[in-house]
Amino acid sequence: MRNAVNDAIQMHYARSDLGNVILAALERAGKDVKHLTLEELAPVDEFHIRGRAATLELARACGLNSSQRVLDVGSGIGGTSRCLAKEFACRVTGIDLTEEYCNAAVLLSAKVGLADLVDFRQGDATNLPFDDASFDVVWTEHVAMNIPDKSRLYREMHRVLKPGGTLAICDILAGPSDPVLFPVPWARTPDTSFLVQPDELRGLLDDAGFKVKQWSDTTDAARTWFVALAEKIRSEGLPPIGFHILLGADFPVMAQNQRRNLEEGRIVLAQIVASREAA
């Protein structure tokens, strides 16, 4: 039976032949696509607020190291998976609902020489195709906003995590102010946006069996970053490489809305490290 929400989410993100679209944009920007680096991919690669800086902050907060096997839930085009593999020499499996993103992730990982450390599968985060206790770390950045059944999402994350393992989250949550202005990067309409308040998320994690170790409100840093991005787009137009390659012509409107959502308290951001308690 088809899932109407999942279909709508894939329609929001999907773009035909995305990997080659990205490579063509890099080539037009003067990059040698036969010898790409993660730094050259960075403007499009890490599809979340504050990009690689946020990824590295969270990785250090959860003590990531080369002995760990990581599951990147909602891996997109693979930017975070590649960053973690390169910086920490860990083995990363990415899973994403959008098949075209998975295809792009495989292509780009090969281009930067990381195919031996990362792999990608298409799948639903609320029905993970992995055995119990398969991963040392379950990782997710800017993903749960698109998932209505959060109880099932966090139960699945708990199931595939080894006892004593770590859950690492960087996510957008509902703020104390008015409803979100749409379109935004994760949804063009409210039909595919499912934000929860911080207290709701704490309850969901507790109910799934996690113990929260660290909780940081990163809204101020996110606001500064996105205000700068939105202002640059407003004054200079779109850069050669950026999120608009993934989201299309309405990304400038999304960026201005996201700026307002952050400035007006419509959304907040949290960085969370939790654990599945050892048996």
C-alpha atoms as a PDB file:
ATOM      1  CA  MET A   1       0.000   0.000   0.000  1.00  0.00           C
ATOM      2  CA  ARG A   2       1.440   3.363  -1.009  1.00  0.00           C
ATOM      3  CA  ASN A   3       2.043   6.023   1.612  1.00  0.00           C
ATOM      4  CA  ALA A   4       0.688   9.387   0.430  1.00  0.00           C
ATOM      5  CA  VAL A   5       2.918  11.400   2.783  1.00  0.00           C
ATOM      6  CA  ASN A   6       6.046   9.544   1.641  1.00  0.00           C
ATOM      7  CA  ASP A   7       5.057  10.083  -1.987  1.00  0.00           C
ATOM      8  CA  ALA A   8       4.640  13.822  -1.363  1.00  0.00           C
ATOM      9  CA  ILE A   9       7.988  14.042   0.435  1.00  0.00           C
ATOM     10  CA  GLN A  10       9.762  12.311  -2.430  1.00  0.00           C
ATOM     11  CA  MET A  11       8.094  14.685  -4.887  1.00  0.00           C
ATOM     12  CA  HIS A  12       9.430  17.618  -2.829  1.00  0.00           C
ATOM     13  CA  TYR A  13      13.030  16.380  -2.919  1.00  0.00           C
ATOM     14  CA  ALA A  14      13.359  14.351  -6.118  1.00  0.00           C
ATOM     15  CA  ARG A  15      15.149  15.728  -9.149  1.00  0.00           C
ATOM     16  CA  SER A  16      15.988  13.593 -12.145  1.00  0.00           C
ATOM     17  CA  ASP A  17      19.653  12.592 -12.547  1.00  0.00           C
ATOM     18  CA  LEU A  18      20.598  14.735  -9.560  1.00  0.00           C
ATOM     19  CA  GLY A  19      24.176  13.470  -9.234  1.00  0.00           C
ATOM     20  CA  ASN A  20      25.056  14.525 -12.752  1.00  0.00           C
ATOM     21  CA  VAL A  21      23.185  17.830 -12.311  1.00  0.00           C
ATOM     22  CA  ILE A  22      25.461  18.579  -9.340  1.00  0.00           C
ATOM     23  CA  LEU A  23      28.586  17.543 -11.247  1.00  0.00           C
ATOM     24  CA  ALA A  24      27.598  19.747 -14.184  1.00  0.00           C
ATOM     25  CA  ALA A  25      27.130  22.733 -11.847  1.00  0.00           C
ATOM     26  CA  LEU A  26      30.546  22.102 -10.296  1.00  0.00           C
ATOM     27  CA  GLU A  27      32.117  21.893 -13.728  1.00  0.00           C
ATOM     28  CA  ARG A  28      30.516  25.207 -14.746  1.00  0.00           C
ATOM     29  CA  ALA A  29      31.976  26.695 -11.571  1.00  0.00           C
ATOM     30  CA  GLY A  30      35.449  25.669 -12.724  1.00  0.00           C
ATOM     31  CA  LYS A  31      35.903  22.533 -10.586  1.00  0.00           C
ATOM     32  CA  ASP A  32      37.707  19.451 -11.872  1.00  0.00           C
ATOM     33  CA  VAL A  33      34.986  16.822 -11.387  1.00  0.00           C
ATOM     34  CA  LYS A  34      37.524  14.018 -11.911  1.00  0.00           C
ATOM     35  CA  HIS A  35      39.408  15.147  -8.797  1.00  0.00           C
ATOM     36  CA  LEU A  36      36.723  16.489  -6.473  1.00  0.00           C
ATOM     37  CA  THR A  37      37.284  17.256  -2.801  1.00  0.00           C
ATOM     38  CA  LEU A  38      34.775  17.393   0.050  1.00  0.00           C
ATOM     39  CA  GLU A  39      35.477  21.114   0.379  1.00  0.00           C
ATOM     40  CA  GLU A  40      34.404  21.705  -3.228  1.00  0.00           C
ATOM     41  CA  LEU A  41      31.187  19.772  -2.609  1.00  0.00           C
ATOM     42  CA  ALA A  42      30.500  21.508   0.725  1.00  0.00           C
ATOM     43  CA  PRO A  43      28.132  24.283  -0.496  1.00  0.00           C
ATOM     44  CA  VAL A  44      25.608  21.684  -1.709  1.00  0.00           C
ATOM     45  CA  ASP A  45      26.726  18.603   0.198  1.00  0.00           C
ATOM     46  CA  GLU A  46      25.573  19.174   3.772  1.00  0.00           C
ATOM     47  CA  PHE A  47      21.881  19.869   3.331  1.00  0.00           C
ATOM     48  CA  HIS A  48      21.108  21.367   6.748  1.00  0.00           C
ATOM     49  CA  ILE A  49      21.503  24.605   8.681  1.00  0.00           C
ATOM     50  CA  ARG A  50      25.139  25.516   9.440  1.00  0.00           C
ATOM     51  CA  GLY A  51      26.398  22.746   7.167  1.00  0.00           C
ATOM     52  CA  ARG A  52      29.636  21.005   8.049  1.00  0.00           C
ATOM     53  CA  ALA A  53      30.235  23.049  11.196  1.00  0.00           C
ATOM     54  CA  ALA A  54      27.049  21.626  12.750  1.00  0.00           C
ATOM     55  CA  THR A  55      28.023  18.097  11.693  1.00  0.00           C
ATOM     56  CA  LEU A  56      31.474  18.300  13.259  1.00  0.00           C
ATOM     57  CA  GLU A  57      30.089  19.830  16.468  1.00  0.00           C
ATOM     58  CA  LEU A  58      27.660  16.949  16.887  1.00  0.00           C
ATOM     59  CA  ALA A  59      30.284  14.337  16.002  1.00  0.00           C
ATOM     60  CA  ARG A  60      32.637  15.653  18.666  1.00  0.00           C
ATOM     61  CA  ALA A  61      29.816  15.873  21.199  1.00  0.00           C
ATOM     62  CA  CYS A  62      29.082  12.174  20.776  1.00  0.00           C
ATOM     63  CA  GLY A  63      32.749  11.125  20.716  1.00  0.00           C
ATOM     64  CA  LEU A  64      32.733   9.600  17.248  1.00  0.00           C
ATOM     65  CA  ASN A  65      35.740   7.428  16.393  1.00  0.00           C
ATOM     66  CA  SER A  66      37.045   4.998  13.788  1.00  0.00           C
ATOM     67  CA  SER A  67      35.908   1.866  15.645  1.00  0.00           C
ATOM     68  CA  GLN A  68      32.226   2.728  15.288  1.00  0.00           C
ATOM     69  CA  ARG A  69      29.677   1.746  12.679  1.00  0.00           C
ATOM     70  CA  VAL A  70      27.278   4.626  11.998  1.00  0.00           C
ATOM     71  CA  LEU A  71      23.775   4.699  10.530  1.00  0.00           C
ATOM     72  CA  ASP A  72      22.949   8.081   8.953  1.00  0.00           C
ATOM     73  CA  VAL A  73      19.137   8.246   8.903  1.00  0.00           C
ATOM     74  CA  GLY A  74      17.904  10.616   6.210  1.00  0.00           C
ATOM     75  CA  SER A  75      21.298  10.755   4.537  1.00  0.00           C
ATOM     76  CA  GLY A  76      20.211  12.850   1.555  1.00  0.00           C
ATOM     77  CA  ILE A  77      22.922  13.102  -1.088  1.00  0.00           C
ATOM     78  CA  GLY A  78      25.437  11.709   1.415  1.00  0.00           C
ATOM     79  CA  GLY A  79      27.247  14.829   2.568  1.00  0.00           C
ATOM     80  CA  THR A  80      27.157  14.054   6.275  1.00  0.00           C
ATOM     81  CA  SER A  81      28.061  10.396   5.710  1.00  0.00           C
ATOM     82  CA  ARG A  82      31.094  11.420   3.672  1.00  0.00           C
ATOM     83  CA  CYS A  83      32.145  14.036   6.215  1.00  0.00           C
ATOM     84  CA  LEU A  84      32.006  11.554   9.104  1.00  0.00           C
ATOM     85  CA  ALA A  85      33.885   8.897   7.126  1.00  0.00           C
ATOM     86  CA  LYS A  86      36.600  11.328   6.063  1.00  0.00           C
ATOM     87  CA  GLU A  87      37.069  13.115   9.392  1.00  0.00           C
ATOM     88  CA  PHE A  88      36.705  10.148  11.757  1.00  0.00           C
ATOM     89  CA  ALA A  89      37.530   7.136   9.522  1.00  0.00           C
ATOM     90  CA  CYS A  90      34.316   5.401  10.605  1.00  0.00           C
ATOM     91  CA  ARG A  91      32.151   3.138   8.460  1.00  0.00           C
ATOM     92  CA  VAL A  92      28.848   4.853   7.582  1.00  0.00           C
ATOM     93  CA  THR A  93      25.641   3.473   6.084  1.00  0.00           C
ATOM     94  CA  GLY A  94      23.155   6.038   4.869  1.00  0.00           C
ATOM     95  CA  ILE A  95      19.439   5.492   4.355  1.00  0.00           C
ATOM     96  CA  ASP A  96      17.090   7.926   2.646  1.00  0.00           C
ATOM     97  CA  LEU A  97      13.503   7.825   1.424  1.00  0.00           C
ATOM     98  CA  THR A  98      14.353   9.476  -1.918  1.00  0.00           C
ATOM     99  CA  GLU A  99      15.984   7.034  -4.319  1.00  0.00           C
ATOM    100  CA  GLU A 100      17.468   9.774  -6.502  1.00  0.00           C
ATOM    101  CA  TYR A 101      19.283  11.159  -3.450  1.00  0.00           C
ATOM    102  CA  CYS A 102      20.738   7.702  -2.761  1.00  0.00           C
ATOM    103  CA  ASN A 103      21.902   7.411  -6.370  1.00  0.00           C
ATOM    104  CA  ALA A 104      23.552  10.840  -6.156  1.00  0.00           C
ATOM    105  CA  ALA A 105      25.159   9.885  -2.825  1.00  0.00           C
ATOM    106  CA  VAL A 106      26.762   6.800  -4.378  1.00  0.00           C
ATOM    107  CA  LEU A 107      28.043   8.757  -7.392  1.00  0.00           C
ATOM    108  CA  LEU A 108      29.492  11.641  -5.355  1.00  0.00           C
ATOM    109  CA  SER A 109      31.098   9.307  -2.795  1.00  0.00           C
ATOM    110  CA  ALA A 110      32.949   7.535  -5.584  1.00  0.00           C
ATOM    111  CA  LYS A 111      34.056  10.887  -7.028  1.00  0.00           C
ATOM    112  CA  VAL A 112      35.730  11.893  -3.746  1.00  0.00           C
ATOM    113  CA  GLY A 113      37.263   8.452  -3.122  1.00  0.00           C
ATOM    114  CA  LEU A 114      35.112   7.402  -0.163  1.00  0.00           C
ATOM    115  CA  ALA A 115      33.151   4.513  -1.675  1.00  0.00           C
ATOM    116  CA  ASP A 116      34.977   2.035   0.559  1.00  0.00           C
ATOM    117  CA  LEU A 117      33.763   3.732   3.769  1.00  0.00           C
ATOM    118  CA  VAL A 118      30.175   4.689   2.898  1.00  0.00           C
ATOM    119  CA  ASP A 119      27.183   2.915   1.392  1.00  0.00           C
ATOM    120  CA  PHE A 120      23.600   3.998   0.840  1.00  0.00           C
ATOM    121  CA  ARG A 121      20.183   2.353   0.784  1.00  0.00           C
ATOM    122  CA  GLN A 122      16.764   3.618  -0.133  1.00  0.00           C
ATOM    123  CA  GLY A 123      14.279   3.029   2.652  1.00  0.00           C
ATOM    124  CA  ASP A 124      11.807   4.325   5.217  1.00  0.00           C
ATOM    125  CA  ALA A 125      13.198   5.550   8.544  1.00  0.00           C
ATOM    126  CA  THR A 126      10.149   4.170  10.355  1.00  0.00           C
ATOM    127  CA  ASN A 127      10.831   0.667   9.014  1.00  0.00           C
ATOM    128  CA  LEU A 128      14.615   0.352   8.950  1.00  0.00           C
ATOM    129  CA  PRO A 129      15.902  -2.608   6.891  1.00  0.00           C
ATOM    130  CA  PHE A 130      18.587  -3.565   9.432  1.00  0.00           C
ATOM    131  CA  ASP A 131      18.940  -6.186  12.148  1.00  0.00           C
ATOM    132  CA  ASP A 132      18.567  -5.382  15.825  1.00  0.00           C
ATOM    133  CA  ALA A 133      21.653  -3.909  17.507  1.00  0.00           C
ATOM    134  CA  SER A 134      23.532  -3.361  14.219  1.00  0.00           C
ATOM    135  CA  PHE A 135      25.066   0.090  14.831  1.00  0.00           C
ATOM    136  CA  ASP A 136      27.214   1.847  17.410  1.00  0.00           C
ATOM    137  CA  VAL A 137      25.817   5.263  16.469  1.00  0.00           C
ATOM    138  CA  VAL A 138      22.505   6.269  14.914  1.00  0.00           C
ATOM    139  CA  TRP A 139      22.777   9.748  13.435  1.00  0.00           C
ATOM    140  CA  THR A 140      20.153  12.114  12.042  1.00  0.00           C
ATOM    141  CA  GLU A 141      20.264  15.767  10.929  1.00  0.00           C
ATOM    142  CA  HIS A 142      17.186  17.711   9.803  1.00  0.00           C
ATOM    143  CA  VAL A 143      15.052  14.662   9.045  1.00  0.00           C
ATOM    144  CA  ALA A 144      12.281  14.171  11.618  1.00  0.00           C
ATOM    145  CA  MET A 145      10.464  17.312  10.388  1.00  0.00           C
ATOM    146  CA  ASN A 146       9.180  15.183   7.476  1.00  0.00           C
ATOM    147  CA  ILE A 147       8.129  12.170   9.567  1.00  0.00           C
ATOM    148  CA  PRO A 148       4.663  12.122  11.176  1.00  0.00           C
ATOM    149  CA  ASP A 149       5.056   8.877  13.151  1.00  0.00           C
ATOM    150  CA  LYS A 150       7.867   9.956  15.439  1.00  0.00           C
ATOM    151  CA  SER A 151       7.158   7.291  18.043  1.00  0.00           C
ATOM    152  CA  ARG A 152       7.879   4.619  15.463  1.00  0.00           C
ATOM    153  CA  LEU A 153      10.893   6.539  14.148  1.00  0.00           C
ATOM    154  CA  TYR A 154      12.654   6.646  17.521  1.00  0.00           C
ATOM    155  CA  ARG A 155      11.664   3.081  18.405  1.00  0.00           C
ATOM    156  CA  GLU A 156      13.281   1.910  15.162  1.00  0.00           C
ATOM    157  CA  MET A 157      16.421   3.920  15.917  1.00  0.00           C
ATOM    158  CA  HIS A 158      16.523   2.335  19.380  1.00  0.00           C
ATOM    159  CA  ARG A 159      16.049  -1.156  17.900  1.00  0.00           C
ATOM    160  CA  VAL A 160      18.983  -0.983  15.463  1.00  0.00           C
ATOM    161  CA  LEU A 161      21.304   0.639  18.014  1.00  0.00           C
ATOM    162  CA  LYS A 162      23.587  -1.565  20.093  1.00  0.00           C
ATOM    163  CA  PRO A 163      23.113  -1.476  23.884  1.00  0.00           C
ATOM    164  CA  GLY A 164      25.358   1.314  25.123  1.00  0.00           C
ATOM    165  CA  GLY A 165      25.230   2.958  21.695  1.00  0.00           C
ATOM    166  CA  THR A 166      24.675   6.621  20.901  1.00  0.00           C
ATOM    167  CA  LEU A 167      21.864   8.522  19.206  1.00  0.00           C
ATOM    168  CA  ALA A 168      23.010  11.837  17.673  1.00  0.00           C
ATOM    169  CA  ILE A 169      20.356  14.352  16.595  1.00  0.00           C
ATOM    170  CA  CYS A 170      20.413  17.819  15.052  1.00  0.00           C
ATOM    171  CA  ASP A 171      16.878  18.845  14.255  1.00  0.00           C
ATOM    172  CA  ILE A 172      14.395  21.645  13.679  1.00  0.00           C
ATOM    173  CA  LEU A 173      11.615  21.869  16.256  1.00  0.00           C
ATOM    174  CA  ALA A 174       8.470  23.925  16.668  1.00  0.00           C
ATOM    175  CA  GLY A 175       9.148  27.290  18.276  1.00  0.00           C
ATOM    176  CA  PRO A 176       7.084  29.207  20.836  1.00  0.00           C
ATOM    177  CA  SER A 177       5.773  31.733  18.296  1.00  0.00           C
ATOM    178  CA  ASP A 178       3.371  31.605  15.350  1.00  0.00           C
ATOM    179  CA  PRO A 179       3.172  28.714  12.856  1.00  0.00           C
ATOM    180  CA  VAL A 180       5.912  28.160  10.290  1.00  0.00           C
ATOM    181  CA  LEU A 181       5.892  30.243   7.115  1.00  0.00           C
ATOM    182  CA  PHE A 182       5.957  28.082   3.971  1.00  0.00           C
ATOM    183  CA  PRO A 183       7.612  27.149   1.691  1.00  0.00           C
ATOM    184  CA  VAL A 184      10.723  26.094   3.613  1.00  0.00           C
ATOM    185  CA  PRO A 185      13.580  23.809   2.551  1.00  0.00           C
ATOM    186  CA  TRP A 186      11.938  20.699   4.008  1.00  0.00           C
ATOM    187  CA  ALA A 187       8.366  21.347   2.856  1.00  0.00           C
ATOM    188  CA  ARG A 188       6.504  23.536   0.403  1.00  0.00           C
ATOM    189  CA  THR A 189       3.228  23.223   2.353  1.00  0.00           C
ATOM    190  CA  PRO A 190       2.207  22.175   5.892  1.00  0.00           C
ATOM    191  CA  ASP A 191       1.091  18.782   4.520  1.00  0.00           C
ATOM    192  CA  THR A 192       4.614  17.345   4.777  1.00  0.00           C
ATOM    193  CA  SER A 193       5.850  19.230   7.840  1.00  0.00           C
ATOM    194  CA  PHE A 194       5.574  17.598  11.262  1.00  0.00           C
ATOM    195  CA  LEU A 195       7.394  19.662  13.869  1.00  0.00           C
ATOM    196  CA  VAL A 196       7.225  18.910  17.586  1.00  0.00           C
ATOM    197  CA  GLN A 197       8.033  21.106  20.569  1.00  0.00           C
ATOM    198  CA  PRO A 198      11.287  20.413  22.479  1.00  0.00           C
ATOM    199  CA  ASP A 199       9.379  18.931  25.435  1.00  0.00           C
ATOM    200  CA  GLU A 200       7.493  16.624  23.075  1.00  0.00           C
ATOM    201  CA  LEU A 201      10.767  15.370  21.629  1.00  0.00           C
ATOM    202  CA  ARG A 202      12.153  14.693  25.106  1.00  0.00           C
ATOM    203  CA  GLY A 203       9.068  12.625  25.851  1.00  0.00           C
ATOM    204  CA  LEU A 204       9.340  10.700  22.583  1.00  0.00           C
ATOM    205  CA  LEU A 205      12.984   9.842  23.252  1.00  0.00           C
ATOM    206  CA  ASP A 206      12.196   8.763  26.801  1.00  0.00           C
ATOM    207  CA  ASP A 207       9.292   6.590  25.635  1.00  0.00           C
ATOM    208  CA  ALA A 208      11.530   4.922  23.023  1.00  0.00           C
ATOM    209  CA  GLY A 209      14.035   3.940  25.738  1.00  0.00           C
ATOM    210  CA  PHE A 210      16.713   6.592  25.265  1.00  0.00           C
ATOM    211  CA  LYS A 211      18.485   8.525  27.978  1.00  0.00           C
ATOM    212  CA  VAL A 212      19.350  12.105  26.985  1.00  0.00           C
ATOM    213  CA  LYS A 213      22.978  12.907  27.831  1.00  0.00           C
ATOM    214  CA  GLN A 214      23.322  16.354  26.232  1.00  0.00           C
ATOM    215  CA  TRP A 215      20.776  18.850  24.936  1.00  0.00           C
ATOM    216  CA  SER A 216      21.951  22.111  23.372  1.00  0.00           C
ATOM    217  CA  ASP A 217      19.716  24.837  21.963  1.00  0.00           C
ATOM    218  CA  THR A 218      21.582  25.922  18.814  1.00  0.00           C
ATOM    219  CA  THR A 219      18.934  28.373  17.600  1.00  0.00           C
ATOM    220  CA  ASP A 220      21.103  31.494  17.975  1.00  0.00           C
ATOM    221  CA  ALA A 221      23.907  30.060  15.866  1.00  0.00           C
ATOM    222  CA  ALA A 222      21.388  28.818  13.293  1.00  0.00           C
ATOM    223  CA  ARG A 223      19.729  32.236  13.110  1.00  0.00           C
ATOM    224  CA  THR A 224      23.055  34.012  12.533  1.00  0.00           C
ATOM    225  CA  TRP A 225      24.008  31.525   9.810  1.00  0.00           C
ATOM    226  CA  PHE A 226      20.681  31.645   7.973  1.00  0.00           C
ATOM    227  CA  VAL A 227      20.305  35.418   8.181  1.00  0.00           C
ATOM    228  CA  ALA A 228      23.718  35.745   6.514  1.00  0.00           C
ATOM    229  CA  LEU A 229      22.760  33.204   3.830  1.00  0.00           C
ATOM    230  CA  ALA A 230      19.402  34.842   3.105  1.00  0.00           C
ATOM    231  CA  GLU A 231      20.947  38.320   2.952  1.00  0.00           C
ATOM    232  CA  LYS A 232      23.654  37.125   0.565  1.00  0.00           C
ATOM    233  CA  ILE A 233      21.051  35.562  -1.738  1.00  0.00           C
ATOM    234  CA  ARG A 234      18.941  38.738  -1.573  1.00  0.00           C
ATOM    235  CA  SER A 235      21.846  41.041  -2.417  1.00  0.00           C
ATOM    236  CA  GLU A 236      23.955  38.891  -4.751  1.00  0.00           C
ATOM    237  CA  GLY A 237      21.586  36.262  -6.141  1.00  0.00           C
ATOM    238  CA  LEU A 238      22.151  32.532  -6.083  1.00  0.00           C
ATOM    239  CA  PRO A 239      25.746  31.237  -6.060  1.00  0.00           C
ATOM    240  CA  PRO A 240      26.990  28.730  -8.657  1.00  0.00           C
ATOM    241  CA  ILE A 241      26.828  25.903  -6.102  1.00  0.00           C
ATOM    242  CA  GLY A 242      24.214  25.737  -3.355  1.00  0.00           C
ATOM    243  CA  PHE A 243      21.022  24.214  -2.003  1.00  0.00           C
ATOM    244  CA  HIS A 244      19.026  25.658  -4.899  1.00  0.00           C
ATOM    245  CA  ILE A 245      20.464  22.856  -7.040  1.00  0.00           C
ATOM    246  CA  LEU A 246      18.556  20.422  -4.849  1.00  0.00           C
ATOM    247  CA  LEU A 247      15.388  22.453  -4.322  1.00  0.00           C
ATOM    248  CA  GLY A 248      14.917  24.434  -7.509  1.00  0.00           C
ATOM    249  CA  ALA A 249      13.880  27.960  -8.411  1.00  0.00           C
ATOM    250  CA  ASP A 250      11.831  28.654  -5.265  1.00  0.00           C
ATOM    251  CA  PHE A 251      14.801  28.238  -2.918  1.00  0.00           C
ATOM    252  CA  PRO A 252      15.265  32.040  -2.547  1.00  0.00           C
ATOM    253  CA  VAL A 253      11.701  32.270  -1.189  1.00  0.00           C
ATOM    254  CA  MET A 254      12.398  29.312   1.112  1.00  0.00           C
ATOM    255  CA  ALA A 255      15.544  31.037   2.387  1.00  0.00           C
ATOM    256  CA  GLN A 256      13.726  34.286   3.201  1.00  0.00           C
ATOM    257  CA  ASN A 257      10.927  32.367   4.951  1.00  0.00           C
ATOM    258  CA  GLN A 258      13.437  30.365   6.939  1.00  0.00           C
ATOM    259  CA  ARG A 259      15.144  33.560   8.005  1.00  0.00           C
ATOM    260  CA  ARG A 260      11.813  34.895   9.307  1.00  0.00           C
ATOM    261  CA  ASN A 261      10.964  31.568  10.953  1.00  0.00           C
ATOM    262  CA  LEU A 262      14.207  31.768  12.934  1.00  0.00           C
ATOM    263  CA  GLU A 263      14.031  35.483  13.691  1.00  0.00           C
ATOM    264  CA  GLU A 264      10.397  35.322  14.814  1.00  0.00           C
ATOM    265  CA  GLY A 265      10.710  32.216  16.978  1.00  0.00           C
ATOM    266  CA  ARG A 266       8.552  30.055  14.740  1.00  0.00           C
ATOM    267  CA  ILE A 267      11.230  27.318  14.832  1.00  0.00           C
ATOM    268  CA  VAL A 268      14.076  26.407  17.164  1.00  0.00           C
ATOM    269  CA  LEU A 269      17.045  24.058  16.741  1.00  0.00           C
ATOM    270  CA  ALA A 270      18.414  21.423  19.066  1.00  0.00           C
ATOM    271  CA  GLN A 271      21.559  19.306  19.145  1.00  0.00           C
ATOM    272  CA  ILE A 272      20.980  16.167  21.196  1.00  0.00           C
ATOM    273  CA  VAL A 273      23.137  13.255  22.302  1.00  0.00           C
ATOM    274  CA  ALA A 274      21.281  10.325  23.847  1.00  0.00           C
ATOM    275  CA  SER A 275      22.106   6.702  24.597  1.00  0.00           C
ATOM    276  CA  ARG A 276      20.526   3.304  24.539  1.00  0.00           C
ATOM    277  CA  GLU A 277      21.342   2.022  27.982  1.00  0.00           C
ATOM    278  CA  ALA A 278      23.493  -1.111  28.151  1.00  0.00           C
ATOM    279  CA  ALA A 279      21.626  -4.252  29.166  1.00  0.00           C
END
